[in-house]
């Protein structure tokens, strides 16, 4: 009987301790505080209706991103010209706004906004609107604290606006500087892998390379690389030399992944895409694209104007824009034939050596 009483007593003590541990875990002030600090500025559903985003930058200027509908691509208009923008950059920004993250409350009234950089006159802003012009969200982005976190608050006139200041990991400042150019999609073949233009789909590459002078002079060359089985063949061929497949793979990557530094918008520049060579690729879907390269506008210039056309016309990557492409990218596309050929075979070299030896002996 005494043994049963002891067991029962010990069981009660163990149960009480377990309940105490559970209660302390559930109601732990630090844990509850951390949990309650999680916050979401907006939702994916709400932001999916966005058709306009106005970004009020750190320098006081505004950038406007627009799309014609929920499934249309985002663009930005500068001087009445609509430019393509990086769709992933826009979606990343919207995802940052809708993400539920730790944003602890730092101030509960608007009186503290001035010191946190959240006053209307000082705050950077991301304003998201729907097709009617109604505000979905206006996010105020203020100063950063000593830990590198940024102060944030809801702007506008809706419920909860300008009432609370929170702070969190700074994922927004990157979108608030750099001007419209930081949003441009300057890839010559954007998302080509997802749009039926992969390296494997290219059947031939034709290079027209002009003569060059200066530190690395070279003669003008015109040649075509065509697929042959698992490799490539060169036309016109170079006797005793085969095409180095890896070199052509690198050339293809340089062409398909080429990214310009800017759009050319001046009236004089838009016509100057000749005299600097060209690159033509033919894909297995029957489309061909030609990158026409302009001569350097002046001695020492570090970029050249390029344009892209397709045959037949209307190819997905044909563009009405003229791009400014850096020297390095141009040089990576306008390769010399020799740089794409494997070294002469050992047998060829030996034969050449034997012939030289016999000639010397004679």
Protein backbone atom coordinates (compact mmCIF):
# COMPACT_ATOMS: atom_id res chain seq x y z
CA UNK A 1 0.00 0.00 0.00
CA UNK A 2 2.81 2.35 0.92
CA UNK A 3 4.53 1.51 -2.38
CA UNK A 4 1.40 2.41 -4.39
CA UNK A 5 1.09 5.67 -2.45
CA UNK A 6 4.70 6.58 -3.24
CA UNK A 7 4.22 5.78 -6.93
CA UNK A 8 1.05 7.85 -7.06
CA UNK A 9 2.79 10.74 -5.31
CA UNK A 10 5.77 10.64 -7.68
CA UNK A 11 3.43 10.46 -10.69
CA UNK A 12 1.56 13.55 -9.50
CA UNK A 13 4.84 15.42 -9.01
CA UNK A 14 6.04 14.43 -12.53
CA UNK A 15 2.73 15.51 -14.06
CA UNK A 16 2.88 18.84 -12.25
CA UNK A 17 6.42 19.42 -13.48
CA UNK A 18 5.40 18.56 -17.06
CA UNK A 19 2.45 20.94 -16.90
CA UNK A 20 4.73 23.63 -15.52
CA UNK A 21 7.21 23.17 -18.35
CA UNK A 22 4.44 23.29 -20.98
CA UNK A 23 2.93 26.43 -19.44
CA UNK A 24 6.31 28.15 -19.26
CA UNK A 25 7.00 27.29 -22.90
CA UNK A 26 3.60 28.42 -24.18
CA UNK A 27 3.53 31.63 -22.18
CA UNK A 28 7.22 32.46 -22.30
CA UNK A 29 7.27 36.28 -22.70
CA UNK A 30 10.22 36.29 -25.10
CA UNK A 31 8.66 33.63 -27.31
CA UNK A 32 5.28 35.34 -27.30
CA UNK A 33 6.96 38.66 -28.14
CA UNK A 34 8.85 37.11 -31.06
CA UNK A 35 5.71 35.46 -32.36
CA UNK A 36 3.67 38.66 -32.14
CA UNK A 37 6.37 40.67 -33.93
CA UNK A 38 5.74 38.82 -37.19
CA UNK A 39 3.91 41.05 -39.61
CA UNK A 40 2.74 41.14 -43.21
CA UNK A 41 2.42 44.47 -45.04
CA UNK A 42 0.09 43.12 -47.74
CA UNK A 43 -0.96 39.84 -49.32
CA UNK A 44 -0.13 38.14 -52.59
CA UNK A 45 -3.79 38.24 -53.59
CA UNK A 46 -4.04 41.99 -53.05
CA UNK A 47 -0.78 42.71 -54.86
CA UNK A 48 -1.72 40.50 -57.83
CA UNK A 49 -4.20 43.22 -58.85
CA UNK A 50 -1.41 45.80 -59.16
CA UNK A 51 -1.08 47.61 -62.47
CA UNK A 52 1.03 50.57 -61.33
CA UNK A 53 3.89 50.96 -58.89
CA UNK A 54 5.32 54.39 -58.07
CA UNK A 55 8.69 54.38 -56.34
CA UNK A 56 9.67 57.61 -54.59
CA UNK A 57 13.46 57.30 -54.45
CA UNK A 58 16.03 58.52 -51.97
CA UNK A 59 16.97 61.43 -54.26
CA UNK A 60 13.35 62.63 -54.41
CA UNK A 61 12.68 61.45 -57.97
CA UNK A 62 9.86 59.07 -58.91
CA UNK A 63 9.91 55.93 -61.04
CA UNK A 64 6.66 54.54 -62.38
CA UNK A 65 6.24 50.90 -63.40
CA UNK A 66 3.10 50.02 -65.34
CA UNK A 67 1.37 47.07 -66.94
CA UNK A 68 -1.78 46.87 -69.02
CA UNK A 69 -3.33 44.07 -66.96
CA UNK A 70 -2.61 41.35 -64.41
CA UNK A 71 -0.90 39.09 -66.95
CA UNK A 72 0.82 41.81 -69.00
CA UNK A 73 4.55 42.55 -68.65
CA UNK A 74 5.76 45.47 -66.56
CA UNK A 75 7.33 48.46 -68.34
CA UNK A 76 8.56 51.91 -67.37
CA UNK A 77 8.08 55.10 -69.36
CA UNK A 78 10.90 57.62 -69.70
CA UNK A 79 10.52 60.69 -71.93
CA UNK A 80 7.38 59.19 -73.48
CA UNK A 81 9.22 55.96 -74.43
CA UNK A 82 8.08 52.70 -72.84
CA UNK A 83 11.02 50.44 -71.90
CA UNK A 84 10.96 46.77 -70.85
CA UNK A 85 11.87 46.11 -67.24
CA UNK A 86 13.16 43.05 -65.41
CA UNK A 87 9.99 41.15 -64.50
CA UNK A 88 11.77 39.17 -61.79
CA UNK A 89 12.94 42.37 -60.09
CA UNK A 90 9.34 43.61 -59.87
CA UNK A 91 8.05 40.26 -58.59
CA UNK A 92 10.88 40.10 -56.03
CA UNK A 93 9.91 43.53 -54.70
CA UNK A 94 6.23 42.61 -54.44
CA UNK A 95 7.17 39.34 -52.74
CA UNK A 96 9.22 41.28 -50.19
CA UNK A 97 6.15 43.41 -49.41
CA UNK A 98 3.84 40.39 -48.98
CA UNK A 99 6.28 38.21 -47.04
CA UNK A 100 5.36 37.52 -43.42
CA UNK A 101 8.54 38.34 -41.50
CA UNK A 102 9.71 39.56 -38.14
CA UNK A 103 8.88 43.27 -37.99
CA UNK A 104 8.83 44.22 -34.29
CA UNK A 105 6.86 47.30 -33.28
CA UNK A 106 9.14 50.29 -32.60
CA UNK A 107 6.71 53.16 -32.18
CA UNK A 108 2.96 53.35 -31.71
CA UNK A 109 2.24 56.88 -32.85
CA UNK A 110 3.02 59.20 -35.74
CA UNK A 111 4.80 61.68 -33.47
CA UNK A 112 7.93 59.51 -33.60
CA UNK A 113 7.96 59.27 -37.41
CA UNK A 114 10.21 62.30 -37.92
CA UNK A 115 13.12 60.83 -35.96
CA UNK A 116 12.79 57.51 -37.81
CA UNK A 117 12.81 59.06 -41.29
CA UNK A 118 9.17 58.11 -41.88
CA UNK A 119 7.67 61.59 -42.20
CA UNK A 120 6.08 62.31 -45.58
CA UNK A 121 8.78 64.84 -46.44
CA UNK A 122 11.65 62.42 -45.73
CA UNK A 123 10.42 58.87 -46.32
CA UNK A 124 11.07 56.83 -49.42
CA UNK A 125 7.85 55.25 -50.68
CA UNK A 126 6.61 52.28 -52.64
CA UNK A 127 3.02 52.93 -53.73
CA UNK A 128 1.12 50.09 -55.36
CA UNK A 129 -2.15 50.81 -57.21
CA UNK A 130 -4.76 48.79 -59.06
CA UNK A 131 -6.28 49.46 -62.49
CA UNK A 132 -8.73 52.01 -61.06
CA UNK A 133 -5.91 54.01 -59.49
CA UNK A 134 -6.94 52.94 -56.00
CA UNK A 135 -4.06 52.49 -53.55
CA UNK A 136 -3.41 48.87 -52.59
CA UNK A 137 -0.55 49.77 -50.28
CA UNK A 138 1.87 52.60 -49.68
CA UNK A 139 4.95 51.43 -47.82
CA UNK A 140 7.06 54.11 -46.14
CA UNK A 141 10.76 53.29 -45.86
CA UNK A 142 12.75 55.32 -43.35
CA UNK A 143 16.19 55.35 -41.76
CA UNK A 144 18.27 52.33 -40.83
CA UNK A 145 19.20 51.61 -37.23
CA UNK A 146 22.59 50.68 -35.79
CA UNK A 147 21.95 47.00 -36.61
CA UNK A 148 21.25 47.73 -40.27
CA UNK A 149 17.50 47.17 -39.95
CA UNK A 150 15.20 49.65 -41.66
CA UNK A 151 12.19 51.48 -40.19
CA UNK A 152 8.92 50.88 -42.04
CA UNK A 153 5.33 52.06 -41.79
CA UNK A 154 2.10 52.09 -43.74
CA UNK A 155 1.38 55.32 -45.57
CA UNK A 156 -1.72 56.51 -47.35
CA UNK A 157 -5.08 57.13 -45.73
CA UNK A 158 -6.21 53.58 -45.04
CA UNK A 159 -6.69 51.76 -41.76
CA UNK A 160 -3.46 51.50 -39.81
CA UNK A 161 -1.67 54.11 -41.90
CA UNK A 162 0.92 56.25 -40.12
CA UNK A 163 0.03 54.74 -36.75
CA UNK A 164 2.80 52.22 -36.18
CA UNK A 165 6.47 52.12 -37.02
CA UNK A 166 8.15 48.76 -37.30
CA UNK A 167 11.65 47.66 -38.23
CA UNK A 168 13.10 44.68 -40.03
CA UNK A 169 15.77 43.33 -42.32
CA UNK A 170 16.42 45.85 -45.08
CA UNK A 171 15.15 44.23 -48.26
CA UNK A 172 13.71 47.43 -49.71
CA UNK A 173 16.51 50.00 -50.03
CA UNK A 174 17.88 48.21 -53.10
CA UNK A 175 14.70 49.17 -54.96
CA UNK A 176 14.87 52.83 -53.94
CA UNK A 177 17.92 54.09 -55.81
CA UNK A 178 19.56 53.77 -59.21
CA UNK A 179 16.91 55.46 -61.30
CA UNK A 180 14.88 53.94 -64.13
CA UNK A 181 18.00 52.33 -65.57
CA UNK A 182 18.22 49.97 -62.60
CA UNK A 183 14.88 48.49 -63.71
CA UNK A 184 15.63 48.14 -67.44
CA UNK A 185 15.77 44.68 -68.97
CA UNK A 186 18.89 45.13 -71.10
CA UNK A 187 19.36 41.50 -72.12
CA UNK A 188 19.46 41.05 -75.88
CA UNK A 189 17.69 37.69 -75.60
CA UNK A 190 15.68 37.88 -72.35
CA UNK A 191 14.65 34.51 -70.88
CA UNK A 192 15.73 32.83 -74.10
CA UNK A 193 15.83 29.34 -72.58
CA UNK A 194 12.13 29.59 -71.75
CA UNK A 195 11.28 30.98 -75.19
CA UNK A 196 12.48 28.34 -77.64
CA UNK A 197 15.98 29.71 -78.07
CA UNK A 198 18.46 27.52 -76.27
CA UNK A 199 22.10 26.96 -77.14
CA UNK A 200 21.13 23.48 -78.35
CA UNK A 201 18.50 24.91 -80.72
CA UNK A 202 21.00 27.06 -82.63
CA UNK A 203 21.93 25.40 -85.92
CA UNK A 204 24.42 27.92 -87.29
CA UNK A 205 26.32 31.09 -86.41
CA UNK A 206 27.61 33.54 -89.01
CA UNK A 207 30.19 36.10 -87.95
CA UNK A 208 31.16 39.15 -89.98
CA UNK A 209 34.11 40.64 -88.16
CA UNK A 210 35.64 43.91 -89.34
CA UNK A 211 39.36 44.54 -89.34
CA UNK A 212 40.73 45.95 -86.09
CA UNK A 213 43.75 48.10 -85.31
CA UNK A 214 45.49 49.12 -82.13
CA UNK A 215 47.00 46.76 -79.55
CA UNK A 216 45.46 43.62 -81.11
CA UNK A 217 45.16 44.24 -84.86
CA UNK A 218 43.32 41.63 -86.91
CA UNK A 219 42.12 41.23 -90.48
CA UNK A 220 38.47 41.27 -91.48
CA UNK A 221 36.86 37.83 -91.42
CA UNK A 222 33.55 36.32 -92.47
CA UNK A 223 32.72 32.72 -91.61
CA UNK A 224 29.88 30.37 -90.64
CA UNK A 225 29.78 27.66 -88.01
CA UNK A 226 27.24 24.89 -88.66
CA UNK A 227 26.27 21.93 -86.52
CA UNK A 228 27.70 18.61 -87.67
CA UNK A 229 26.66 15.67 -85.49
CA UNK A 230 27.81 16.43 -81.96
CA UNK A 231 30.24 19.09 -83.12
CA UNK A 232 30.61 22.02 -85.51
CA UNK A 233 32.14 22.60 -88.90
CA UNK A 234 33.62 25.83 -90.22
CA UNK A 235 33.01 27.37 -93.62
CA UNK A 236 35.34 28.26 -95.21
CA UNK A 237 37.35 25.49 -93.59
CA UNK A 238 40.94 25.82 -92.40
CA UNK A 239 43.04 22.90 -93.59
CA UNK A 240 44.34 20.70 -90.79
CA UNK A 241 42.25 22.44 -88.11
CA UNK A 242 39.01 21.25 -86.51
CA UNK A 243 36.49 23.33 -84.60
CA UNK A 244 36.87 23.33 -80.82
CA UNK A 245 33.37 22.52 -79.57
CA UNK A 246 33.85 24.07 -76.13
CA UNK A 247 34.99 27.32 -77.75
CA UNK A 248 31.76 27.46 -79.78
CA UNK A 249 29.73 26.69 -76.65
CA UNK A 250 31.37 29.69 -74.98
CA UNK A 251 30.68 31.83 -78.06
CA UNK A 252 27.01 30.84 -77.99
CA UNK A 253 26.73 31.72 -74.31
CA UNK A 254 28.30 35.11 -75.02
CA UNK A 255 25.72 35.78 -77.73
CA UNK A 256 22.58 34.52 -75.99
CA UNK A 257 23.44 36.01 -72.58
CA UNK A 258 24.72 39.37 -73.85
CA UNK A 259 23.49 42.27 -71.70
CA UNK A 260 23.77 45.92 -72.68
CA UNK A 261 24.65 48.77 -70.35
CA UNK A 262 21.83 51.06 -71.51
CA UNK A 263 19.36 51.90 -74.25
CA UNK A 264 20.49 54.42 -76.87
CA UNK A 265 17.90 57.20 -76.98
CA UNK A 266 19.53 60.05 -78.90
CA UNK A 267 18.30 60.58 -82.44
CA UNK A 268 21.79 60.39 -83.93
CA UNK A 269 22.68 57.19 -82.11
CA UNK A 270 19.64 55.22 -83.15
CA UNK A 271 20.84 54.97 -86.74
CA UNK A 272 24.47 54.08 -86.09
CA UNK A 273 24.34 50.29 -86.00
CA UNK A 274 26.50 49.54 -89.02
CA UNK A 275 30.20 49.35 -89.72
CA UNK A 276 31.10 47.32 -86.63
CA UNK A 277 30.29 43.81 -87.81
CA UNK A 278 27.38 41.45 -87.26
CA UNK A 279 26.39 38.14 -85.72
CA UNK A 280 23.62 35.96 -87.15
CA UNK A 281 22.20 32.86 -85.49
CA UNK A 282 19.73 30.45 -87.09
CA UNK A 283 17.50 28.39 -84.80
CA UNK A 284 15.83 25.05 -85.43
CA UNK A 285 12.38 26.71 -85.48
CA UNK A 286 13.26 28.46 -88.75
CA UNK A 287 13.84 31.87 -87.17
CA UNK A 288 17.10 33.73 -87.50
CA UNK A 289 18.32 36.73 -85.51
CA UNK A 290 20.94 39.22 -86.59
CA UNK A 291 22.81 41.44 -84.16
CA UNK A 292 24.01 44.44 -86.14
CA UNK A 293 26.92 46.24 -84.49
CA UNK A 294 27.77 49.87 -85.07
CA UNK A 295 31.28 51.26 -85.44
CA UNK A 296 32.63 53.12 -82.43
CA UNK A 297 31.34 56.67 -82.36
CA UNK A 298 34.80 57.96 -81.46
CA UNK A 299 38.31 56.73 -80.76
CA UNK A 300 38.56 55.25 -77.28
CA UNK A 301 34.81 54.69 -76.85
CA UNK A 302 34.10 51.76 -74.53
CA UNK A 303 30.81 50.66 -76.09
CA UNK A 304 29.11 50.20 -79.44
CA UNK A 305 25.51 50.49 -80.56
CA UNK A 306 23.73 47.25 -81.47
CA UNK A 307 20.31 46.36 -82.83
CA UNK A 308 18.50 43.04 -83.28
CA UNK A 309 16.34 42.00 -86.22
CA UNK A 310 14.72 38.70 -87.10
CA UNK A 311 13.89 36.81 -90.28
CA UNK A 312 11.03 36.35 -90.81
CA UNK A 313 10.15 39.64 -89.16
CA UNK A 314 8.31 39.60 -85.87
CA UNK A 315 10.55 37.17 -83.98
CA UNK A 316 10.16 37.36 -80.20
CA UNK A 317 13.60 38.88 -79.70
CA UNK A 318 13.53 41.35 -82.58
CA UNK A 319 13.61 44.79 -81.02
CA UNK A 320 12.89 48.35 -82.00
CA UNK A 321 15.46 49.50 -79.44
CA UNK A 322 19.11 50.26 -79.95
CA UNK A 323 21.37 49.05 -77.16
CA UNK A 324 24.74 50.24 -75.91
CA UNK A 325 26.92 47.14 -75.61
CA UNK A 326 30.30 47.22 -73.90
CA UNK A 327 33.55 46.43 -75.70
CA UNK A 328 34.10 43.21 -73.77
CA UNK A 329 30.72 41.80 -74.80
CA UNK A 330 31.27 42.82 -78.44
CA UNK A 331 34.70 41.18 -78.49
CA UNK A 332 33.29 37.99 -76.99
CA UNK A 333 30.87 37.72 -79.93
CA UNK A 334 33.17 38.80 -82.78
CA UNK A 335 35.68 36.02 -82.32
CA UNK A 336 38.46 35.33 -84.80
CA UNK A 337 38.32 31.98 -86.60
CA UNK A 338 41.61 30.96 -85.06
CA UNK A 339 40.25 31.33 -81.52
CA UNK A 340 37.56 28.75 -82.30
CA UNK A 341 39.85 26.11 -83.79
CA UNK A 342 41.69 23.33 -82.03
CA UNK A 343 45.46 23.25 -82.23
CA UNK A 344 46.92 21.25 -85.15
CA UNK A 345 47.02 17.52 -84.42
CA UNK A 346 50.28 15.90 -83.29
CA UNK A 347 50.51 13.94 -86.55
CA UNK A 348 50.19 17.13 -88.58
CA UNK A 349 52.85 18.81 -86.47
CA UNK A 350 55.16 15.80 -86.78
CA UNK A 351 54.65 15.66 -90.53
CA UNK A 352 55.44 19.32 -90.75
CA UNK A 353 58.58 18.76 -88.67
CA UNK A 354 59.72 15.81 -90.81
CA UNK A 355 59.24 17.84 -93.97
CA UNK A 356 61.32 20.66 -92.53
CA UNK A 357 64.04 18.20 -91.50
CA UNK A 358 64.19 16.60 -94.97
CA UNK A 359 64.34 20.01 -96.59
CA UNK A 360 67.25 20.99 -94.34
CA UNK A 361 69.10 17.74 -95.07
CA UNK A 362 68.69 18.17 -98.79
